[in-house]
């Protein structure tokens, strides 16, 4: 779910606010980056023993890495912290059930604590899945949660298949073109896209079945445990966002005695059913639109779209139908159903701009600024789509059948008439509505790890109005795992360490007595 700026650090520009969602949605493209025709092969077993952590020189960060982790907006802080990084390679097996077999190296970076006492490791993960997390310590240290450095060594890691940890690529899928966006694809066109993607994924998986089979959340959690052991720490503290919450819960469940304090933000649902996940995202988007309609009704004198929520809803759906049949063509752009739905799906922070655009379209005029008025940015180079897709699809069930996905899409269109026909912004949803990015990937050998309870303190953070990982998911996860819940009263995704509530993150890790007993709210 990209733009320059920090994922979890730094300021509150629109670029920064939108980045985490772009990172999470990066795997929606269903393609892969990289050259050649096959996934990158992993090591053959030569070199370091499994579990060895060898320190070396930190590689020069790419421009994209520097931008994503804070250099663009906080260059002095970025340079100061980046200069203190320790970088290394952790050797782990491809298959954890055969630790003496093939091995490869995981890229690790540690930002040492600035405090005076003995520091413990706090591992960080930015989600995606598929996003490089190696430089995340620099982003966090330059943001609102910089106080964590007083007590912890901040640990970044490129999970297997991503960043500098043997990135898994699938150029056969990268070249696929889903065509222009459509709010209502035909079954035939959706099936054709599914089949093309399935063939591409199957070919890439067949090139190295063992490597692709190892790209699972459970194996990534075992890598975390190997990192803890290599660092010589009795326990591993953890902060993860978005998909990183699935990784954290999996680690906590598999290694309950080694799990320290854990904060999970923008929590993925505990139930792995893909259909249920996409239904939950669509329901949240529909509810957000209903609140938008009420907001517009309260401002009827300004926007003239209706004096009550139902009237606004009727007017806007009629506008979408009209632009679907007869798109508005202007010198500044063409406006049809896809463009209209982007305005209907506005985030709370963008309501004024979306309202002005809808009011202009209702009068037959192009919105000010041309285009559709919303920034478009490609997923950053830090996203490894094939690895991210594999990691996500190892964590969900009921993703292998086109018939099932198409039937579920039809039900969503009926149940949620405003936004049920458009693509949910959640990994696993295909570029074409009614499909899935999991098409063609082999089913995992083992089911996802069921979330469980552990002894270490747990704080779940949810954003009240966000739709990528809706608030009900965090409450459902807490019912399985225990812990406390902090609700941030905004509609953002995975941005708490860069906002006014960042102090609550620092407090959880440094002042345990301030942890909410059950559920609390933070007003940013």
Protein backbone atom coordinates (compact mmCIF):
# COMPACT_ATOMS: atom_id res chain seq x y z
CA UNK A 1 0.00 0.00 0.00
CA UNK A 2 3.98 5.01 -2.54
CA UNK A 3 5.53 8.26 -1.94
CA UNK A 4 8.63 9.62 -0.31
CA UNK A 5 8.74 9.86 3.44
CA UNK A 6 8.88 7.60 6.45
CA UNK A 7 6.60 4.64 6.96
CA UNK A 8 6.40 4.98 10.70
CA UNK A 9 8.61 7.93 11.50
CA UNK A 10 8.72 11.57 10.61
CA UNK A 11 6.07 14.07 9.76
CA UNK A 12 2.42 14.13 8.86
CA UNK A 13 2.42 15.15 5.21
CA UNK A 14 -0.08 13.57 2.85
CA UNK A 15 2.84 11.68 1.32
CA UNK A 16 3.76 10.16 4.65
CA UNK A 17 0.16 9.45 5.61
CA UNK A 18 -0.42 7.53 2.43
CA UNK A 19 2.80 5.54 2.34
CA UNK A 20 1.97 2.72 4.72
CA UNK A 21 -1.27 1.93 2.92
CA UNK A 22 0.56 1.94 -0.40
CA UNK A 23 3.12 -0.46 1.04
CA UNK A 24 0.44 -2.82 2.26
CA UNK A 25 -1.25 -2.68 -1.12
CA UNK A 26 1.99 -3.08 -3.05
CA UNK A 27 1.37 -6.78 -3.61
CA UNK A 28 -2.01 -6.04 -5.17
CA UNK A 29 -0.32 -5.69 -8.52
CA UNK A 30 0.27 -9.43 -8.56
CA UNK A 31 3.55 -8.90 -10.43
CA UNK A 32 7.16 -8.95 -9.39
CA UNK A 33 10.23 -6.79 -9.70
CA UNK A 34 13.60 -7.82 -10.94
CA UNK A 35 15.32 -9.04 -14.02
CA UNK A 36 15.59 -12.46 -15.61
CA UNK A 37 12.90 -15.03 -16.02
CA UNK A 38 12.95 -17.02 -12.79
CA UNK A 39 13.03 -16.42 -9.04
CA UNK A 40 16.45 -15.78 -7.52
CA UNK A 41 18.04 -19.03 -6.38
CA UNK A 42 19.18 -19.36 -2.78
CA UNK A 43 22.39 -20.70 -1.33
CA UNK A 44 23.46 -24.30 -1.74
CA UNK A 45 24.61 -24.88 1.83
CA UNK A 46 28.19 -23.67 1.61
CA UNK A 47 29.51 -20.94 3.88
CA UNK A 48 28.40 -20.09 7.41
CA UNK A 49 26.61 -22.52 9.67
CA UNK A 50 22.91 -22.00 10.33
CA UNK A 51 22.40 -19.45 13.09
CA UNK A 52 25.67 -17.61 12.53
CA UNK A 53 25.51 -13.81 12.55
CA UNK A 54 28.46 -12.16 10.82
CA UNK A 55 28.93 -8.41 11.08
CA UNK A 56 30.27 -6.38 8.21
CA UNK A 57 30.17 -3.03 6.48
CA UNK A 58 26.76 -1.46 6.02
CA UNK A 59 25.90 -1.21 2.31
CA UNK A 60 25.23 2.25 0.98
CA UNK A 61 21.45 2.76 1.09
CA UNK A 62 19.70 3.28 -2.18
CA UNK A 63 17.92 6.57 -2.83
CA UNK A 64 14.58 4.85 -2.33
CA UNK A 65 15.70 3.39 1.01
CA UNK A 66 16.85 6.79 2.21
CA UNK A 67 13.57 8.41 1.17
CA UNK A 68 11.32 5.78 2.70
CA UNK A 69 13.15 5.72 6.01
CA UNK A 70 13.36 9.41 6.66
CA UNK A 71 16.18 11.14 4.79
CA UNK A 72 13.89 13.23 2.59
CA UNK A 73 12.11 14.98 5.47
CA UNK A 74 14.55 14.56 8.36
CA UNK A 75 17.96 14.44 6.73
CA UNK A 76 20.11 15.48 9.74
CA UNK A 77 18.48 12.93 12.05
CA UNK A 78 18.67 10.28 9.35
CA UNK A 79 22.39 10.86 8.77
CA UNK A 80 23.11 10.87 12.50
CA UNK A 81 21.39 7.56 13.13
CA UNK A 82 22.39 5.83 9.90
CA UNK A 83 26.04 6.47 10.73
CA UNK A 84 25.67 4.39 13.91
CA UNK A 85 24.12 1.32 12.26
CA UNK A 86 25.72 -2.10 12.63
CA UNK A 87 24.97 -4.40 9.70
CA UNK A 88 25.29 -8.13 9.41
CA UNK A 89 24.12 -11.32 7.76
CA UNK A 90 22.32 -14.09 9.64
CA UNK A 91 22.59 -17.52 8.05
CA UNK A 92 19.38 -19.55 8.25
CA UNK A 93 18.11 -22.69 6.54
CA UNK A 94 15.72 -22.51 3.63
CA UNK A 95 13.69 -25.28 5.27
CA UNK A 96 13.55 -25.13 9.04
CA UNK A 97 12.63 -28.82 9.17
CA UNK A 98 16.00 -29.56 7.51
CA UNK A 99 18.40 -27.11 9.18
CA UNK A 100 21.49 -28.80 7.72
CA UNK A 101 20.26 -28.36 4.15
CA UNK A 102 20.36 -25.30 1.90
CA UNK A 103 21.02 -22.02 3.62
CA UNK A 104 20.93 -18.34 2.79
CA UNK A 105 21.66 -15.00 4.44
CA UNK A 106 19.21 -12.59 6.07
CA UNK A 107 20.20 -8.92 6.05
CA UNK A 108 20.17 -7.46 9.57
CA UNK A 109 20.83 -3.95 10.90
CA UNK A 110 21.04 -2.87 14.53
CA UNK A 111 20.87 0.71 15.79
CA UNK A 112 22.51 0.55 19.25
CA UNK A 113 20.82 2.10 22.22
CA UNK A 114 21.99 5.51 23.38
CA UNK A 115 21.07 4.73 26.99
CA UNK A 116 23.53 3.97 29.73
CA UNK A 117 22.23 0.58 30.85
CA UNK A 118 22.23 -2.84 29.24
CA UNK A 119 19.92 -2.70 26.23
CA UNK A 120 17.64 -5.44 24.97
CA UNK A 121 16.75 -5.93 21.28
CA UNK A 122 13.51 -4.49 19.92
CA UNK A 123 12.82 -5.99 16.49
CA UNK A 124 10.84 -3.91 14.00
CA UNK A 125 8.79 -4.89 10.95
CA UNK A 126 7.06 -2.46 8.53
CA UNK A 127 4.56 -4.89 7.03
CA UNK A 128 3.77 -5.23 3.35
CA UNK A 129 4.38 -8.07 3.25
CA UNK A 130 7.42 -7.71 1.07
CA UNK A 131 8.84 -4.45 2.40
CA UNK A 132 12.49 -4.18 3.37
CA UNK A 133 12.67 -3.53 7.12
CA UNK A 134 16.42 -3.37 7.49
CA UNK A 135 16.52 0.43 7.83
CA UNK A 136 13.32 0.75 9.83
CA UNK A 137 15.33 1.49 13.02
CA UNK A 138 16.55 4.72 11.41
CA UNK A 139 12.99 5.72 10.53
CA UNK A 140 11.71 5.05 14.05
CA UNK A 141 14.67 6.78 15.69
CA UNK A 142 14.04 9.89 13.59
CA UNK A 143 10.32 10.02 14.42
CA UNK A 144 8.07 10.49 17.39
CA UNK A 145 9.14 7.26 19.13
CA UNK A 146 12.84 8.17 19.24
CA UNK A 147 12.76 7.69 23.01
CA UNK A 148 12.87 3.93 22.44
CA UNK A 149 16.61 4.29 21.80
CA UNK A 150 17.16 5.18 25.43
CA UNK A 151 16.40 1.60 26.42
CA UNK A 152 16.55 -0.67 23.37
CA UNK A 153 18.76 -1.68 20.50
CA UNK A 154 16.48 -1.22 17.49
CA UNK A 155 16.74 -4.19 15.13
CA UNK A 156 15.76 -4.15 11.46
CA UNK A 157 15.53 -7.21 9.25
CA UNK A 158 14.77 -7.92 5.62
CA UNK A 159 12.53 -10.97 5.98
CA UNK A 160 13.29 -13.91 3.71
CA UNK A 161 12.73 -13.16 0.05
CA UNK A 162 12.79 -9.36 0.44
CA UNK A 163 15.30 -6.52 0.32
CA UNK A 164 18.83 -7.91 0.61
CA UNK A 165 17.67 -11.29 1.98
CA UNK A 166 17.73 -13.20 -1.30
CA UNK A 167 14.84 -11.32 -2.92
CA UNK A 168 12.39 -13.66 -4.62
CA UNK A 169 11.27 -12.31 -7.97
CA UNK A 170 8.88 -13.44 -10.68
CA UNK A 171 9.33 -11.43 -13.88
CA UNK A 172 6.84 -13.72 -15.63
CA UNK A 173 4.11 -12.06 -13.57
CA UNK A 174 5.58 -8.56 -13.70
CA UNK A 175 4.68 -8.13 -17.35
CA UNK A 176 1.00 -8.86 -16.84
CA UNK A 177 -1.35 -5.98 -17.63
CA UNK A 178 -4.74 -6.00 -15.98
CA UNK A 179 -5.97 -3.31 -18.36
CA UNK A 180 -7.78 -0.10 -17.40
CA UNK A 181 -9.49 -0.13 -14.01
CA UNK A 182 -13.05 -1.32 -14.09
CA UNK A 183 -15.66 -1.22 -11.35
CA UNK A 184 -17.53 -4.12 -12.94
CA UNK A 185 -15.36 -6.55 -14.91
CA UNK A 186 -17.04 -9.40 -16.73
CA UNK A 187 -16.60 -12.93 -15.47
CA UNK A 188 -14.79 -13.74 -18.69
CA UNK A 189 -12.23 -10.94 -18.36
CA UNK A 190 -11.67 -11.69 -14.67
CA UNK A 191 -11.13 -15.37 -15.41
CA UNK A 192 -8.69 -14.55 -18.20
CA UNK A 193 -6.62 -12.39 -15.82
CA UNK A 194 -6.74 -15.11 -13.14
CA UNK A 195 -5.50 -17.73 -15.60
CA UNK A 196 -2.63 -15.57 -16.85
CA UNK A 197 -1.49 -14.78 -13.33
CA UNK A 198 -1.85 -18.41 -12.23
CA UNK A 199 0.34 -19.62 -15.08
CA UNK A 200 3.00 -17.01 -14.30
CA UNK A 201 3.03 -17.83 -10.58
CA UNK A 202 3.10 -21.57 -11.22
CA UNK A 203 6.08 -21.24 -13.55
CA UNK A 204 8.02 -19.19 -11.00
CA UNK A 205 7.16 -21.58 -8.18
CA UNK A 206 8.21 -24.61 -10.22
CA UNK A 207 11.65 -23.07 -10.84
CA UNK A 208 12.54 -23.52 -7.15
CA UNK A 209 9.66 -25.17 -5.26
CA UNK A 210 11.52 -25.48 -1.96
CA UNK A 211 12.40 -21.77 -1.88
CA UNK A 212 8.89 -20.61 -2.71
CA UNK A 213 7.45 -23.06 -0.19
CA UNK A 214 9.69 -21.52 2.48
CA UNK A 215 8.21 -18.03 2.03
CA UNK A 216 5.78 -18.38 4.90
CA UNK A 217 4.95 -16.31 7.94
CA UNK A 218 5.82 -19.24 10.19
CA UNK A 219 9.32 -19.59 8.70
CA UNK A 220 9.80 -15.82 8.96
CA UNK A 221 8.92 -16.15 12.66
CA UNK A 222 11.50 -18.93 13.05
CA UNK A 223 14.03 -16.60 11.46
CA UNK A 224 13.21 -14.04 14.16
CA UNK A 225 13.89 -16.64 16.82
CA UNK A 226 17.24 -17.44 15.21
CA UNK A 227 18.04 -13.73 15.28
CA UNK A 228 17.19 -13.52 18.97
CA UNK A 229 19.50 -16.45 19.72
CA UNK A 230 22.30 -14.98 17.59
CA UNK A 231 22.04 -11.68 19.48
CA UNK A 232 22.35 -13.58 22.76
CA UNK A 233 19.15 -12.07 24.14
CA UNK A 234 16.92 -14.00 26.57
CA UNK A 235 13.82 -12.50 24.96
CA UNK A 236 12.86 -10.51 21.88
CA UNK A 237 10.74 -7.39 22.06
CA UNK A 238 8.84 -6.52 18.91
CA UNK A 239 6.97 -3.74 17.13
CA UNK A 240 5.20 -4.66 13.88
CA UNK A 241 2.64 -2.96 11.68
CA UNK A 242 0.10 -4.30 9.20
CA UNK A 243 1.29 -7.72 7.96
CA UNK A 244 4.00 -7.36 10.60
CA UNK A 245 1.26 -7.99 13.17
CA UNK A 246 0.71 -11.46 11.68
CA UNK A 247 4.44 -12.08 11.96
CA UNK A 248 4.46 -10.88 15.56
CA UNK A 249 1.48 -12.98 16.62
CA UNK A 250 3.00 -16.03 14.93
CA UNK A 251 6.31 -15.51 16.72
CA UNK A 252 4.55 -14.98 20.03
CA UNK A 253 2.53 -18.16 19.57
CA UNK A 254 5.45 -20.36 18.45
CA UNK A 255 7.90 -19.01 21.06
CA UNK A 256 5.81 -17.84 24.02
CA UNK A 257 8.69 -18.10 26.46
CA UNK A 258 10.95 -15.91 24.33
CA UNK A 259 8.47 -13.17 23.52
CA UNK A 260 9.02 -9.92 25.37
CA UNK A 261 6.97 -6.75 25.13
CA UNK A 262 5.09 -6.65 21.84
CA UNK A 263 3.18 -3.80 20.17
CA UNK A 264 1.14 -4.59 17.06
CA UNK A 265 -0.36 -1.71 15.07
CA UNK A 266 -3.05 -1.87 12.37
CA UNK A 267 -3.79 -5.47 13.22
CA UNK A 268 -4.65 -8.10 10.62
CA UNK A 269 -7.65 -10.30 11.50
CA UNK A 270 -6.92 -13.56 13.33
CA UNK A 271 -9.08 -15.60 10.94
CA UNK A 272 -7.12 -16.44 7.78
CA UNK A 273 -10.09 -16.84 5.43
CA UNK A 274 -9.42 -14.57 2.42
CA UNK A 275 -13.09 -14.14 1.69
CA UNK A 276 -13.73 -12.94 5.22
CA UNK A 277 -10.78 -10.55 5.05
CA UNK A 278 -11.99 -8.96 1.82
CA UNK A 279 -15.55 -8.77 3.17
CA UNK A 280 -14.26 -7.01 6.28
CA UNK A 281 -12.33 -4.40 4.28
CA UNK A 282 -15.31 -3.76 2.01
CA UNK A 283 -17.69 -3.42 4.95
CA UNK A 284 -15.38 -0.86 6.55
CA UNK A 285 -15.18 1.13 3.31
CA UNK A 286 -18.97 1.10 2.96
CA UNK A 287 -19.39 2.32 6.51
CA UNK A 288 -16.85 5.06 5.90
CA UNK A 289 -18.84 6.20 2.87
CA UNK A 290 -22.03 6.37 4.96
CA UNK A 291 -20.23 8.66 7.40
CA UNK A 292 -19.03 10.73 4.45
CA UNK A 293 -22.60 11.04 3.19
CA UNK A 294 -23.74 12.30 6.60
CA UNK A 295 -20.81 14.75 6.61
CA UNK A 296 -21.89 16.07 3.19
CA UNK A 297 -25.49 16.44 4.35
CA UNK A 298 -24.32 18.58 7.26
CA UNK A 299 -22.66 20.84 4.67
CA UNK A 300 -25.46 20.85 2.13
CA UNK A 301 -25.33 24.62 1.75
CA UNK A 302 -21.76 24.41 0.51
CA UNK A 303 -21.77 21.28 -1.65
CA UNK A 304 -25.47 21.03 -2.62
CA UNK A 305 -25.51 17.26 -2.79
CA UNK A 306 -28.44 16.66 -0.44
CA UNK A 307 -29.82 17.74 2.91
CA UNK A 308 -29.78 14.32 4.56
CA UNK A 309 -27.52 11.29 4.27
CA UNK A 310 -29.97 9.23 2.24
CA UNK A 311 -30.49 12.03 -0.27
CA UNK A 312 -26.72 12.44 -0.63
CA UNK A 313 -26.29 8.72 -1.12
CA UNK A 314 -28.97 8.59 -3.81
CA UNK A 315 -27.51 11.61 -5.62
CA UNK A 316 -23.97 10.24 -5.62
CA UNK A 317 -24.93 6.76 -6.80
CA UNK A 318 -26.95 8.32 -9.62
CA UNK A 319 -23.90 10.42 -10.50
CA UNK A 320 -21.73 7.32 -10.64
CA UNK A 321 -24.25 5.51 -12.84
CA UNK A 322 -24.40 8.47 -15.20
CA UNK A 323 -20.62 8.73 -15.48
CA UNK A 324 -20.40 4.98 -15.99
CA UNK A 325 -22.71 5.23 -19.00
CA UNK A 326 -21.41 8.57 -20.28
CA UNK A 327 -17.99 9.51 -18.89
CA UNK A 328 -17.28 13.22 -18.68
CA UNK A 329 -14.50 14.06 -21.14
CA UNK A 330 -12.70 17.33 -20.54
CA UNK A 331 -9.33 18.82 -21.55
CA UNK A 332 -8.03 18.02 -18.05
CA UNK A 333 -9.12 14.37 -18.00
CA UNK A 334 -11.88 11.81 -18.37
CA UNK A 335 -14.16 11.01 -15.46
CA UNK A 336 -16.02 7.72 -15.33
CA UNK A 337 -17.03 5.21 -12.71
CA UNK A 338 -13.48 4.43 -11.54
CA UNK A 339 -12.66 8.10 -10.93
CA UNK A 340 -16.00 8.70 -9.20
CA UNK A 341 -15.49 5.78 -6.84
CA UNK A 342 -12.12 7.13 -5.77
CA UNK A 343 -13.94 10.22 -4.49
CA UNK A 344 -16.68 8.13 -2.86
CA UNK A 345 -13.95 6.18 -1.06
CA UNK A 346 -12.28 9.28 0.39
CA UNK A 347 -10.34 9.08 3.63
CA UNK A 348 -11.65 11.34 6.43
CA UNK A 349 -8.66 13.66 6.02
CA UNK A 350 -9.48 14.08 2.31
CA UNK A 351 -13.22 14.70 2.57
CA UNK A 352 -13.15 18.38 1.65
CA UNK A 353 -11.26 17.77 -1.57
CA UNK A 354 -13.41 14.79 -2.52
CA UNK A 355 -16.59 16.72 -1.74
CA UNK A 356 -15.53 19.61 -3.97
CA UNK A 357 -14.72 17.19 -6.78
CA UNK A 358 -18.07 15.40 -6.49
CA UNK A 359 -19.92 18.70 -6.41
CA UNK A 360 -18.14 19.77 -9.60
CA UNK A 361 -18.91 16.48 -11.35
CA UNK A 362 -22.55 16.75 -10.33
CA UNK A 363 -22.65 20.07 -12.23
CA UNK A 364 -20.96 18.53 -15.26
CA UNK A 365 -17.59 20.14 -14.61
CA UNK A 366 -14.09 18.75 -14.14
CA UNK A 367 -12.74 18.99 -10.60
CA UNK A 368 -10.14 21.66 -9.99
CA UNK A 369 -6.60 20.49 -10.55
CA UNK A 370 -7.32 18.06 -13.39
CA UNK A 371 -7.00 14.32 -13.25
CA UNK A 372 -8.92 12.77 -10.40
CA UNK A 373 -7.39 15.00 -7.75
CA UNK A 374 -5.58 12.21 -5.93
CA UNK A 375 -1.87 11.50 -5.98
CA UNK A 376 -0.75 8.38 -7.82
CA UNK A 377 2.55 6.78 -6.95
CA UNK A 378 3.93 3.37 -7.82
CA UNK A 379 4.87 0.90 -5.11
CA UNK A 380 8.42 1.70 -3.98
CA UNK A 381 11.39 -0.46 -4.94
CA UNK A 382 11.46 -1.75 -1.37
CA UNK A 383 8.38 -3.84 -2.06
CA UNK A 384 9.13 -7.38 -3.31
CA UNK A 385 5.75 -8.31 -4.78
CA UNK A 386 6.34 -12.02 -5.39
CA UNK A 387 7.82 -12.60 -1.94
CA UNK A 388 5.07 -10.47 -0.41
CA UNK A 389 2.38 -12.40 -2.25
CA UNK A 390 3.85 -15.73 -1.17
CA UNK A 391 4.15 -14.63 2.46
CA UNK A 392 0.58 -13.31 2.49
CA UNK A 393 -0.87 -16.32 0.71
CA UNK A 394 0.82 -18.68 3.17
CA UNK A 395 -1.29 -16.96 5.80
CA UNK A 396 -4.73 -17.19 4.17
CA UNK A 397 -7.07 -20.00 3.22
CA UNK A 398 -9.71 -20.44 0.51
CA UNK A 399 -7.66 -18.47 -2.01
CA UNK A 400 -7.07 -21.09 -4.68
CA UNK A 401 -10.37 -21.17 -6.57
CA UNK A 402 -11.48 -18.59 -9.10
CA UNK A 403 -15.09 -19.77 -8.79
CA UNK A 404 -15.06 -19.07 -5.06
CA UNK A 405 -13.47 -15.65 -5.40
CA UNK A 406 -15.85 -14.63 -8.18
CA UNK A 407 -18.89 -15.78 -6.19
CA UNK A 408 -17.70 -13.86 -3.14
CA UNK A 409 -17.20 -10.77 -5.28
CA UNK A 410 -20.78 -11.03 -6.56
CA UNK A 411 -22.09 -11.19 -3.02
CA UNK A 412 -20.03 -8.17 -1.99
CA UNK A 413 -21.46 -6.15 -4.88
CA UNK A 414 -24.97 -6.96 -3.68
CA UNK A 415 -24.33 -6.47 0.03
CA UNK A 416 -22.26 -3.29 -0.37
CA UNK A 417 -23.74 -1.45 -3.39
CA UNK A 418 -21.55 1.65 -3.09
CA UNK A 419 -18.06 0.16 -3.03
CA UNK A 420 -18.54 -3.60 -3.17
CA UNK A 421 -17.80 -3.66 -6.89
CA UNK A 422 -14.33 -2.12 -6.63
CA UNK A 423 -11.11 -3.77 -5.55
CA UNK A 424 -10.55 -3.97 -1.78
CA UNK A 425 -7.25 -2.45 -0.70
CA UNK A 426 -5.93 -5.58 0.97
CA UNK A 427 -3.16 -7.95 -0.13
CA UNK A 428 -4.64 -11.06 -1.63
CA UNK A 429 -7.21 -9.13 -3.65
CA UNK A 430 -6.36 -9.25 -7.34
CA UNK A 431 -5.83 -6.28 -9.60
CA UNK A 432 -9.10 -7.25 -11.24
CA UNK A 433 -12.05 -7.43 -8.81
CA UNK A 434 -13.17 -11.00 -8.28
CA UNK A 435 -9.65 -12.43 -8.54
CA UNK A 436 -6.80 -12.99 -6.12
CA UNK A 437 -3.05 -12.44 -6.14
CA UNK A 438 -2.75 -15.98 -4.74
CA UNK A 439 -3.74 -17.49 -8.11
CA UNK A 440 -1.40 -20.28 -9.12
CA UNK A 441 0.63 -20.43 -5.92
CA UNK A 442 0.81 -23.89 -4.36
CA UNK A 443 -1.06 -24.35 -1.12
CA UNK A 444 1.25 -24.27 1.93
CA UNK A 445 2.30 -27.61 3.39
CA UNK A 446 0.97 -26.61 6.79
CA UNK A 447 -1.95 -24.39 7.82
CA UNK A 448 -1.28 -20.96 9.32
CA UNK A 449 -0.36 -20.86 12.98
CA UNK A 450 -3.43 -20.26 15.13
CA UNK A 451 -2.98 -17.11 17.25
CA UNK A 452 -2.36 -17.99 20.87
CA UNK A 453 -1.50 -16.40 24.18
CA UNK A 454 1.93 -15.80 25.69
CA UNK A 455 3.37 -14.35 28.84
CA UNK A 456 4.89 -11.19 27.44
CA UNK A 457 2.89 -7.92 27.60
CA UNK A 458 0.91 -7.18 24.43
CA UNK A 459 -0.56 -3.90 23.17
CA UNK A 460 -2.69 -3.80 20.03
CA UNK A 461 -3.09 -0.42 18.31
CA UNK A 462 -5.97 0.23 15.92
CA UNK A 463 -7.01 3.35 14.02
CA UNK A 464 -10.71 3.97 14.55
CA UNK A 465 -11.73 4.84 10.98
CA UNK A 466 -9.14 3.03 8.87
CA UNK A 467 -10.25 0.54 6.24
CA UNK A 468 -7.09 -1.42 5.34
CA UNK A 469 -7.07 -3.24 8.67
CA UNK A 470 -10.39 -2.29 10.32
CA UNK A 471 -10.81 -1.78 14.06
CA UNK A 472 -12.97 -4.93 14.53
CA UNK A 473 -9.98 -7.01 13.48
CA UNK A 474 -7.92 -5.74 16.41
CA UNK A 475 -10.74 -6.53 18.81
CA UNK A 476 -11.06 -10.03 17.34
CA UNK A 477 -7.32 -10.56 17.70
CA UNK A 478 -7.37 -9.41 21.31
CA UNK A 479 -10.04 -12.01 22.05
CA UNK A 480 -7.57 -14.68 20.87
CA UNK A 481 -4.31 -13.32 22.22
CA UNK A 482 -5.24 -11.22 25.23
CA UNK A 483 -3.45 -7.95 25.85
CA UNK A 484 -4.66 -4.36 25.74
CA UNK A 485 -6.05 -2.21 22.95
CA UNK A 486 -5.28 1.42 22.14
CA UNK A 487 -7.64 3.05 19.63
CA UNK A 488 -6.22 6.06 17.79
CA UNK A 489 -9.08 8.38 16.81
CA UNK A 490 -8.19 8.83 13.15
CA UNK A 491 -8.42 6.98 9.83
CA UNK A 492 -4.73 6.37 9.22
CA UNK A 493 -2.90 3.09 8.70
CA UNK A 494 0.30 2.19 10.56
CA UNK A 495 1.34 5.77 11.42
CA UNK A 496 1.24 5.93 15.21
CA UNK A 497 4.98 6.48 15.73
CA UNK A 498 4.86 9.54 13.49
CA UNK A 499 1.90 11.28 15.10
CA UNK A 500 0.68 12.82 18.31
CA UNK A 501 0.11 9.41 19.90
CA UNK A 502 3.72 8.30 19.46
CA UNK A 503 4.33 8.85 23.15
CA UNK A 504 2.00 5.96 23.92
CA UNK A 505 4.33 3.66 21.97
CA UNK A 506 7.36 4.81 23.92
CA UNK A 507 5.46 4.53 27.18
CA UNK A 508 4.45 0.93 26.49
CA UNK A 509 8.04 -0.13 25.95
CA UNK A 510 9.65 2.01 28.65
CA UNK A 511 6.99 2.61 31.32
CA UNK A 512 4.96 -0.61 31.76
CA UNK A 513 2.73 0.93 34.41
CA UNK A 514 1.13 3.13 31.70
CA UNK A 515 -0.13 0.22 29.58
CA UNK A 516 -3.95 0.39 29.21
CA UNK A 517 -5.70 -2.19 31.33
CA UNK A 518 -8.09 -3.19 28.54
CA UNK A 519 -9.00 -0.49 26.02
CA UNK A 520 -8.10 3.16 25.77
CA UNK A 521 -8.44 5.94 23.20
CA UNK A 522 -5.80 8.40 22.03
CA UNK A 523 -6.93 11.62 20.34
CA UNK A 524 -4.17 12.67 17.89
